[in-house]
Amino acid sequence: LAAVDLATPALTAELHIAVNGSDENSGARKS
């Protein structure tokens, strides 16, 4: 079970878009 857990990481990202943003930013809520 430990081997299966390491093989399938559950990493997801939340990317934010705003009219005052920049494509040079990181996509985080504050940038």
Full PDB file with SEQRES, HELIX, SHEET, SSBOND, CRYST1, ORIGX, SCALE, CONECT and MASTER records, all heavy atoms in Angstrom:
SEQRES   1 A   31  LEU ALA ALA VAL ASP LEU ALA THR PRO ALA LEU THR ALA          
SEQRES   2 A   31  GLU LEU HIS ILE ALA VAL ASN GLY SER ASP GLU ASN SER          
SEQRES   3 A   31  GLY ALA ARG LYS SER                                          
HELIX    1 AA1 ALA A    2  ALA A    7  1                                   6    
CRYST1    1.000    1.000    1.000  90.00  90.00  90.00 P 1           1          
ORIGX1      1.000000  0.000000  0.000000        0.00000                         
ORIGX2      0.000000  1.000000  0.000000        0.00000                         
ORIGX3      0.000000  0.000000  1.000000        0.00000                         
SCALE1      1.000000  0.000000  0.000000        0.00000                         
SCALE2      0.000000  1.000000  0.000000        0.00000                         
SCALE3      0.000000  0.000000  1.000000        0.00000                         
ATOM      1  N   LEU A   1       0.823  -1.204   0.000  1.00  0.00           N  
ATOM      2  CA  LEU A   1       0.000   0.000   0.000  1.00  0.00           C  
ATOM      3  C   LEU A   1       0.857   1.254   0.000  1.00  0.00           C  
ATOM      4  O   LEU A   1       0.533   2.228  -0.662  1.00  0.00           O  
ATOM      5  CB  LEU A   1      -0.941   0.000   1.213  1.00  0.00           C  
ATOM      6  CG  LEU A   1      -2.066  -1.021   1.169  1.00  0.00           C  
ATOM      7  CD1 LEU A   1      -2.852  -0.995   2.473  1.00  0.00           C  
ATOM      8  CD2 LEU A   1      -2.981  -0.777  -0.007  1.00  0.00           C  
ATOM      9  N   ALA A   2       1.961   1.232   0.696  1.00  0.00           N  
ATOM     10  CA  ALA A   2       2.858   2.378   0.720  1.00  0.00           C  
ATOM     11  C   ALA A   2       3.432   2.626  -0.670  1.00  0.00           C  
ATOM     12  O   ALA A   2       3.558   3.765  -1.102  1.00  0.00           O  
ATOM     13  CB  ALA A   2       3.967   2.167   1.736  1.00  0.00           C  
ATOM     14  N   ALA A   3       3.758   1.576  -1.391  1.00  0.00           N  
ATOM     15  CA  ALA A   3       4.302   1.718  -2.731  1.00  0.00           C  
ATOM     16  C   ALA A   3       3.260   2.321  -3.674  1.00  0.00           C  
ATOM     17  O   ALA A   3       3.575   3.172  -4.498  1.00  0.00           O  
ATOM     18  CB  ALA A   3       4.781   0.375  -3.256  1.00  0.00           C  
ATOM     19  N   VAL A   4       2.017   1.918  -3.557  1.00  0.00           N  
ATOM     20  CA  VAL A   4       0.961   2.470  -4.391  1.00  0.00           C  
ATOM     21  C   VAL A   4       0.752   3.940  -4.053  1.00  0.00           C  
ATOM     22  O   VAL A   4       0.582   4.777  -4.923  1.00  0.00           O  
ATOM     23  CB  VAL A   4      -0.362   1.679  -4.206  1.00  0.00           C  
ATOM     24  CG1 VAL A   4      -1.520   2.390  -4.883  1.00  0.00           C  
ATOM     25  CG2 VAL A   4      -0.203   0.277  -4.758  1.00  0.00           C  
ATOM     26  N   ASP A   5       0.782   4.290  -2.778  1.00  0.00           N  
ATOM     27  CA  ASP A   5       0.618   5.673  -2.356  1.00  0.00           C  
ATOM     28  C   ASP A   5       1.691   6.575  -2.954  1.00  0.00           C  
ATOM     29  O   ASP A   5       1.407   7.677  -3.396  1.00  0.00           O  
ATOM     30  CB  ASP A   5       0.697   5.749  -0.822  1.00  0.00           C  
ATOM     31  CG  ASP A   5      -0.552   6.357  -0.227  1.00  0.00           C  
ATOM     32  OD1 ASP A   5      -1.493   6.622  -0.987  1.00  0.00           O  
ATOM     33  OD2 ASP A   5      -0.559   6.569   0.993  1.00  0.00           O  
ATOM     34  N   LEU A   6       2.921   6.122  -2.997  1.00  0.00           N  
ATOM     35  CA  LEU A   6       4.014   6.923  -3.537  1.00  0.00           C  
ATOM     36  C   LEU A   6       3.945   7.026  -5.052  1.00  0.00           C  
ATOM     37  O   LEU A   6       4.385   8.003  -5.630  1.00  0.00           O  
ATOM     38  CB  LEU A   6       5.359   6.324  -3.125  1.00  0.00           C  
ATOM     39  CG  LEU A   6       5.659   6.349  -1.624  1.00  0.00           C  
ATOM     40  CD1 LEU A   6       6.953   5.590  -1.352  1.00  0.00           C  
ATOM     41  CD2 LEU A   6       5.753   7.772  -1.114  1.00  0.00           C  
ATOM     42  N   ALA A   7       3.365   6.031  -5.691  1.00  0.00           N  
ATOM     43  CA  ALA A   7       3.324   6.007  -7.146  1.00  0.00           C  
ATOM     44  C   ALA A   7       2.231   6.907  -7.712  1.00  0.00           C  
ATOM     45  O   ALA A   7       2.279   7.291  -8.866  1.00  0.00           O  
ATOM     46  CB  ALA A   7       3.111   4.570  -7.637  1.00  0.00           C  
ATOM     47  N   THR A   8       1.233   7.280  -6.919  1.00  0.00           N  
ATOM     48  CA  THR A   8       0.129   8.086  -7.421  1.00  0.00           C  
ATOM     49  C   THR A   8      -0.062   9.333  -6.561  1.00  0.00           C  
ATOM     50  O   THR A   8      -0.961   9.401  -5.747  1.00  0.00           O  
ATOM     51  CB  THR A   8      -1.181   7.273  -7.437  1.00  0.00           C  
ATOM     52  OG1 THR A   8      -1.423   6.789  -6.119  1.00  0.00           O  
ATOM     53  CG2 THR A   8      -1.120   6.115  -8.398  1.00  0.00           C  
ATOM     54  N   PRO A   9       0.798  10.329  -6.724  1.00  0.00           N  
ATOM     55  CA  PRO A   9       0.641  11.540  -5.919  1.00  0.00           C  
ATOM     56  C   PRO A   9      -0.619  12.301  -6.324  1.00  0.00           C  
ATOM     57  O   PRO A   9      -0.973  12.355  -7.492  1.00  0.00           O  
ATOM     58  CB  PRO A   9       1.888  12.350  -6.242  1.00  0.00           C  
ATOM     59  CG  PRO A   9       2.311  11.872  -7.579  1.00  0.00           C  
ATOM     60  CD  PRO A   9       1.910  10.410  -7.638  1.00  0.00           C  
ATOM     61  N   ALA A  10      -1.300  12.865  -5.352  1.00  0.00           N  
ATOM     62  CA  ALA A  10      -2.541  13.596  -5.603  1.00  0.00           C  
ATOM     63  C   ALA A  10      -2.271  15.093  -5.554  1.00  0.00           C  
ATOM     64  O   ALA A  10      -2.817  15.816  -4.741  1.00  0.00           O  
ATOM     65  CB  ALA A  10      -3.591  13.188  -4.580  1.00  0.00           C  
ATOM     66  N   LEU A  11      -1.393  15.566  -6.424  1.00  0.00           N  
ATOM     67  CA  LEU A  11      -1.056  16.979  -6.448  1.00  0.00           C  
ATOM     68  C   LEU A  11      -1.894  17.680  -7.504  1.00  0.00           C  
ATOM     69  O   LEU A  11      -1.879  17.308  -8.672  1.00  0.00           O  
ATOM     70  CB  LEU A  11       0.427  17.177  -6.771  1.00  0.00           C  
ATOM     71  CG  LEU A  11       1.407  16.570  -5.772  1.00  0.00           C  
ATOM     72  CD1 LEU A  11       2.834  16.744  -6.265  1.00  0.00           C  
ATOM     73  CD2 LEU A  11       1.231  17.199  -4.406  1.00  0.00           C  
ATOM     74  N   THR A  12      -2.640  18.674  -7.091  1.00  0.00           N  
ATOM     75  CA  THR A  12      -3.402  19.477  -8.025  1.00  0.00           C  
ATOM     76  C   THR A  12      -3.084  20.940  -7.751  1.00  0.00           C  
ATOM     77  O   THR A  12      -2.636  21.301  -6.673  1.00  0.00           O  
ATOM     78  CB  THR A  12      -4.913  19.248  -7.885  1.00  0.00           C  
ATOM     79  OG1 THR A  12      -5.313  19.615  -6.561  1.00  0.00           O  
ATOM     80  CG2 THR A  12      -5.288  17.800  -8.141  1.00  0.00           C  
ATOM     81  N   ALA A  13      -3.328  21.766  -8.737  1.00  0.00           N  
ATOM     82  CA  ALA A  13      -3.059  23.195  -8.594  1.00  0.00           C  
ATOM     83  C   ALA A  13      -4.341  23.973  -8.834  1.00  0.00           C  
ATOM     84  O   ALA A  13      -5.239  23.518  -9.535  1.00  0.00           O  
ATOM     85  CB  ALA A  13      -1.993  23.630  -9.593  1.00  0.00           C  
ATOM     86  N   GLU A  14      -4.418  25.150  -8.246  1.00  0.00           N  
ATOM     87  CA  GLU A  14      -5.501  26.082  -8.550  1.00  0.00           C  
ATOM     88  C   GLU A  14      -4.860  27.308  -9.180  1.00  0.00           C  
ATOM     89  O   GLU A  14      -4.024  27.977  -8.567  1.00  0.00           O  
ATOM     90  CB  GLU A  14      -6.275  26.473  -7.295  1.00  0.00           C  
ATOM     91  CG  GLU A  14      -7.426  27.398  -7.609  1.00  0.00           C  
ATOM     92  CD  GLU A  14      -8.302  27.706  -6.424  1.00  0.00           C  
ATOM     93  OE1 GLU A  14      -7.985  27.257  -5.299  1.00  0.00           O  
ATOM     94  OE2 GLU A  14      -9.304  28.402  -6.618  1.00  0.00           O  
ATOM     95  N   LEU A  15      -5.222  27.571 -10.418  1.00  0.00           N  
ATOM     96  CA  LEU A  15      -4.683  28.701 -11.155  1.00  0.00           C  
ATOM     97  C   LEU A  15      -5.731  29.802 -11.203  1.00  0.00           C  
ATOM     98  O   LEU A  15      -6.910  29.530 -11.453  1.00  0.00           O  
ATOM     99  CB  LEU A  15      -4.309  28.270 -12.576  1.00  0.00           C  
ATOM    100  CG  LEU A  15      -3.322  27.109 -12.671  1.00  0.00           C  
ATOM    101  CD1 LEU A  15      -3.172  26.653 -14.113  1.00  0.00           C  
ATOM    102  CD2 LEU A  15      -1.982  27.504 -12.096  1.00  0.00           C  
ATOM    103  N   HIS A  16      -5.310  31.035 -10.982  1.00  0.00           N  
ATOM    104  CA  HIS A  16      -6.235  32.173 -10.969  1.00  0.00           C  
ATOM    105  C   HIS A  16      -5.964  33.072 -12.161  1.00  0.00           C  
ATOM    106  O   HIS A  16      -4.823  33.269 -12.571  1.00  0.00           O  
ATOM    107  CB  HIS A  16      -6.079  32.965  -9.668  1.00  0.00           C  
ATOM    108  CG  HIS A  16      -6.559  32.212  -8.475  1.00  0.00           C  
ATOM    109  ND1 HIS A  16      -7.839  32.338  -8.000  1.00  0.00           N  
ATOM    110  CD2 HIS A  16      -5.955  31.302  -7.685  1.00  0.00           C  
ATOM    111  CE1 HIS A  16      -7.993  31.540  -6.942  1.00  0.00           C  
ATOM    112  NE2 HIS A  16      -6.851  30.905  -6.746  1.00  0.00           N  
ATOM    113  N   ILE A  17      -7.064  33.666 -12.674  1.00  0.00           N  
ATOM    114  CA  ILE A  17      -6.985  34.580 -13.799  1.00  0.00           C  
ATOM    115  C   ILE A  17      -7.764  35.832 -13.423  1.00  0.00           C  
ATOM    116  O   ILE A  17      -8.868  35.743 -12.885  1.00  0.00           O  
ATOM    117  CB  ILE A  17      -7.597  33.955 -15.065  1.00  0.00           C  
ATOM    118  CG1 ILE A  17      -6.888  32.653 -15.385  1.00  0.00           C  
ATOM    119  CG2 ILE A  17      -7.528  34.915 -16.240  1.00  0.00           C  
ATOM    120  CD1 ILE A  17      -7.653  31.759 -16.294  1.00  0.00           C  
ATOM    121  N   ALA A  18      -7.206  36.995 -13.696  1.00  0.00           N  
ATOM    122  CA  ALA A  18      -7.885  38.264 -13.427  1.00  0.00           C  
ATOM    123  C   ALA A  18      -7.500  39.272 -14.500  1.00  0.00           C  
ATOM    124  O   ALA A  18      -6.403  39.200 -15.065  1.00  0.00           O  
ATOM    125  CB  ALA A  18      -7.511  38.803 -12.042  1.00  0.00           C  
ATOM    126  N   VAL A  19      -8.398  40.201 -14.770  1.00  0.00           N  
ATOM    127  CA  VAL A  19      -8.129  41.195 -15.816  1.00  0.00           C  
ATOM    128  C   VAL A  19      -6.949  42.094 -15.468  1.00  0.00           C  
ATOM    129  O   VAL A  19      -6.331  42.677 -16.362  1.00  0.00           O  
ATOM    130  CB  VAL A  19      -9.388  42.039 -16.130  1.00  0.00           C  
ATOM    131  CG1 VAL A  19     -10.447  41.195 -16.781  1.00  0.00           C  
ATOM    132  CG2 VAL A  19      -9.921  42.705 -14.893  1.00  0.00           C  
ATOM    133  N   ASN A  20      -6.615  42.211 -14.190  1.00  0.00           N  
ATOM    134  CA  ASN A  20      -5.464  43.024 -13.791  1.00  0.00           C  
ATOM    135  C   ASN A  20      -4.214  42.176 -13.562  1.00  0.00           C  
ATOM    136  O   ASN A  20      -3.228  42.671 -13.035  1.00  0.00           O  
ATOM    137  CB  ASN A  20      -5.783  43.841 -12.539  1.00  0.00           C  
ATOM    138  CG  ASN A  20      -6.085  42.966 -11.340  1.00  0.00           C  
ATOM    139  OD1 ASN A  20      -6.339  41.774 -11.490  1.00  0.00           O  
ATOM    140  ND2 ASN A  20      -6.079  43.537 -10.158  1.00  0.00           N  
ATOM    141  N   GLY A  21      -4.237  40.920 -13.983  1.00  0.00           N  
ATOM    142  CA  GLY A  21      -3.092  40.037 -13.799  1.00  0.00           C  
ATOM    143  C   GLY A  21      -2.072  40.161 -14.923  1.00  0.00           C  
ATOM    144  O   GLY A  21      -2.170  41.032 -15.785  1.00  0.00           O  
ATOM    145  N   SER A  22      -1.104  39.264 -14.902  1.00  0.00           N  
ATOM    146  CA  SER A  22      -0.062  39.224 -15.932  1.00  0.00           C  
ATOM    147  C   SER A  22       0.309  37.762 -16.179  1.00  0.00           C  
ATOM    148  O   SER A  22       0.390  36.974 -15.235  1.00  0.00           O  
ATOM    149  CB  SER A  22       1.174  39.992 -15.470  1.00  0.00           C  
ATOM    150  OG  SER A  22       2.255  39.741 -16.341  1.00  0.00           O  
ATOM    151  N   ASP A  23       0.542  37.419 -17.419  1.00  0.00           N  
ATOM    152  CA  ASP A  23       0.960  36.047 -17.725  1.00  0.00           C  
ATOM    153  C   ASP A  23       2.364  35.753 -17.225  1.00  0.00           C  
ATOM    154  O   ASP A  23       2.820  34.613 -17.261  1.00  0.00           O  
ATOM    155  CB  ASP A  23       0.839  35.766 -19.221  1.00  0.00           C  
ATOM    156  CG  ASP A  23      -0.614  35.585 -19.645  1.00  0.00           C  
ATOM    157  OD1 ASP A  23      -1.471  35.382 -18.766  1.00  0.00           O  
ATOM    158  OD2 ASP A  23      -0.882  35.647 -20.858  1.00  0.00           O  
ATOM    159  N   GLU A  24       3.067  36.762 -16.740  1.00  0.00           N  
ATOM    160  CA  GLU A  24       4.382  36.569 -16.122  1.00  0.00           C  
ATOM    161  C   GLU A  24       4.250  36.161 -14.650  1.00  0.00           C  
ATOM    162  O   GLU A  24       5.222  35.746 -14.031  1.00  0.00           O  
ATOM    163  CB  GLU A  24       5.207  37.855 -16.214  1.00  0.00           C  
ATOM    164  CG  GLU A  24       5.465  38.312 -17.645  1.00  0.00           C  
ATOM    165  CD  GLU A  24       6.288  37.318 -18.439  1.00  0.00           C  
ATOM    166  OE1 GLU A  24       7.254  36.760 -17.877  1.00  0.00           O  
ATOM    167  OE2 GLU A  24       5.962  37.096 -19.612  1.00  0.00           O  
ATOM    168  N   ASN A  25       3.051  36.289 -14.076  1.00  0.00           N  
ATOM    169  CA  ASN A  25       2.815  35.931 -12.676  1.00  0.00           C  
ATOM    170  C   ASN A  25       2.780  34.420 -12.499  1.00  0.00           C  
ATOM    171  O   ASN A  25       2.805  33.658 -13.465  1.00  0.00           O  
ATOM    172  CB  ASN A  25       1.496  36.542 -12.185  1.00  0.00           C  
ATOM    173  CG  ASN A  25       1.575  38.039 -12.038  1.00  0.00           C  
ATOM    174  OD1 ASN A  25       2.653  38.603 -12.013  1.00  0.00           O  
ATOM    175  ND2 ASN A  25       0.424  38.671 -11.953  1.00  0.00           N  
ATOM    176  N   SER A  26       2.644  33.995 -11.258  1.00  0.00           N  
ATOM    177  CA  SER A  26       2.643  32.560 -10.926  1.00  0.00           C  
ATOM    178  C   SER A  26       1.277  31.911 -11.074  1.00  0.00           C  
ATOM    179  O   SER A  26       1.172  30.695 -11.067  1.00  0.00           O  
ATOM    180  CB  SER A  26       3.132  32.366  -9.491  1.00  0.00           C  
ATOM    181  OG  SER A  26       2.198  32.919  -8.581  1.00  0.00           O  
ATOM    182  N   GLY A  27       0.220  32.698 -11.160  1.00  0.00           N  
ATOM    183  CA  GLY A  27      -1.122  32.127 -11.257  1.00  0.00           C  
ATOM    184  C   GLY A  27      -1.769  31.907  -9.901  1.00  0.00           C  
ATOM    185  O   GLY A  27      -2.885  31.402  -9.822  1.00  0.00           O  
ATOM    186  N   ALA A  28      -1.088  32.293  -8.829  1.00  0.00           N  
ATOM    187  CA  ALA A  28      -1.652  32.177  -7.486  1.00  0.00           C  
ATOM    188  C   ALA A  28      -2.727  33.242  -7.301  1.00  0.00           C  
ATOM    189  O   ALA A  28      -2.839  34.183  -8.093  1.00  0.00           O  
ATOM    190  CB  ALA A  28      -0.554  32.350  -6.442  1.00  0.00           C  
ATOM    191  N   ARG A  29      -3.513  33.110  -6.248  1.00  0.00           N  
ATOM    192  CA  ARG A  29      -4.593  34.060  -5.991  1.00  0.00           C  
ATOM    193  C   ARG A  29      -4.076  35.503  -5.916  1.00  0.00           C  
ATOM    194  O   ARG A  29      -4.687  36.419  -6.435  1.00  0.00           O  
ATOM    195  CB  ARG A  29      -5.313  33.706  -4.696  1.00  0.00           C  
ATOM    196  CG  ARG A  29      -6.448  34.686  -4.362  1.00  0.00           C  
ATOM    197  CD  ARG A  29      -7.147  34.341  -3.074  1.00  0.00           C  
ATOM    198  NE  ARG A  29      -8.031  33.210  -3.178  1.00  0.00           N  
ATOM    199  CZ  ARG A  29      -9.281  33.272  -3.666  1.00  0.00           C  
ATOM    200  NH1 ARG A  29      -9.756  34.406  -4.100  1.00  0.00           N  
ATOM    201  NH2 ARG A  29     -10.028  32.190  -3.707  1.00  0.00           N  
ATOM    202  N   LYS A  30      -2.924  35.694  -5.302  1.00  0.00           N  
ATOM    203  CA  LYS A  30      -2.377  37.044  -5.140  1.00  0.00           C  
ATOM    204  C   LYS A  30      -1.565  37.522  -6.347  1.00  0.00           C  
ATOM    205  O   LYS A  30      -1.209  38.687  -6.424  1.00  0.00           O  
ATOM    206  CB  LYS A  30      -1.530  37.120  -3.879  1.00  0.00           C  
ATOM    207  CG  LYS A  30      -2.364  36.956  -2.618  1.00  0.00           C  
ATOM    208  CD  LYS A  30      -1.551  37.146  -1.379  1.00  0.00           C  
ATOM    209  CE  LYS A  30      -2.457  37.037  -0.168  1.00  0.00           C  
ATOM    210  NZ  LYS A  30      -1.738  37.257   1.071  1.00  0.00           N  
ATOM    211  N   SER A  31      -1.256  36.635  -7.264  1.00  0.00           N  
ATOM    212  CA  SER A  31      -0.547  37.032  -8.490  1.00  0.00           C  
ATOM    213  C   SER A  31      -1.119  36.232  -9.671  1.00  0.00           C  
ATOM    214  O   SER A  31      -0.494  35.314 -10.192  1.00  0.00           O  
ATOM    215  CB  SER A  31       0.958  36.815  -8.354  1.00  0.00           C  
ATOM    216  OG  SER A  31       1.249  35.462  -8.113  1.00  0.00           O  
TER     217      SER A  31                                                      
MASTER        0    0    0    1    0    0    0    6  216    1    0    3          
END                                                                             
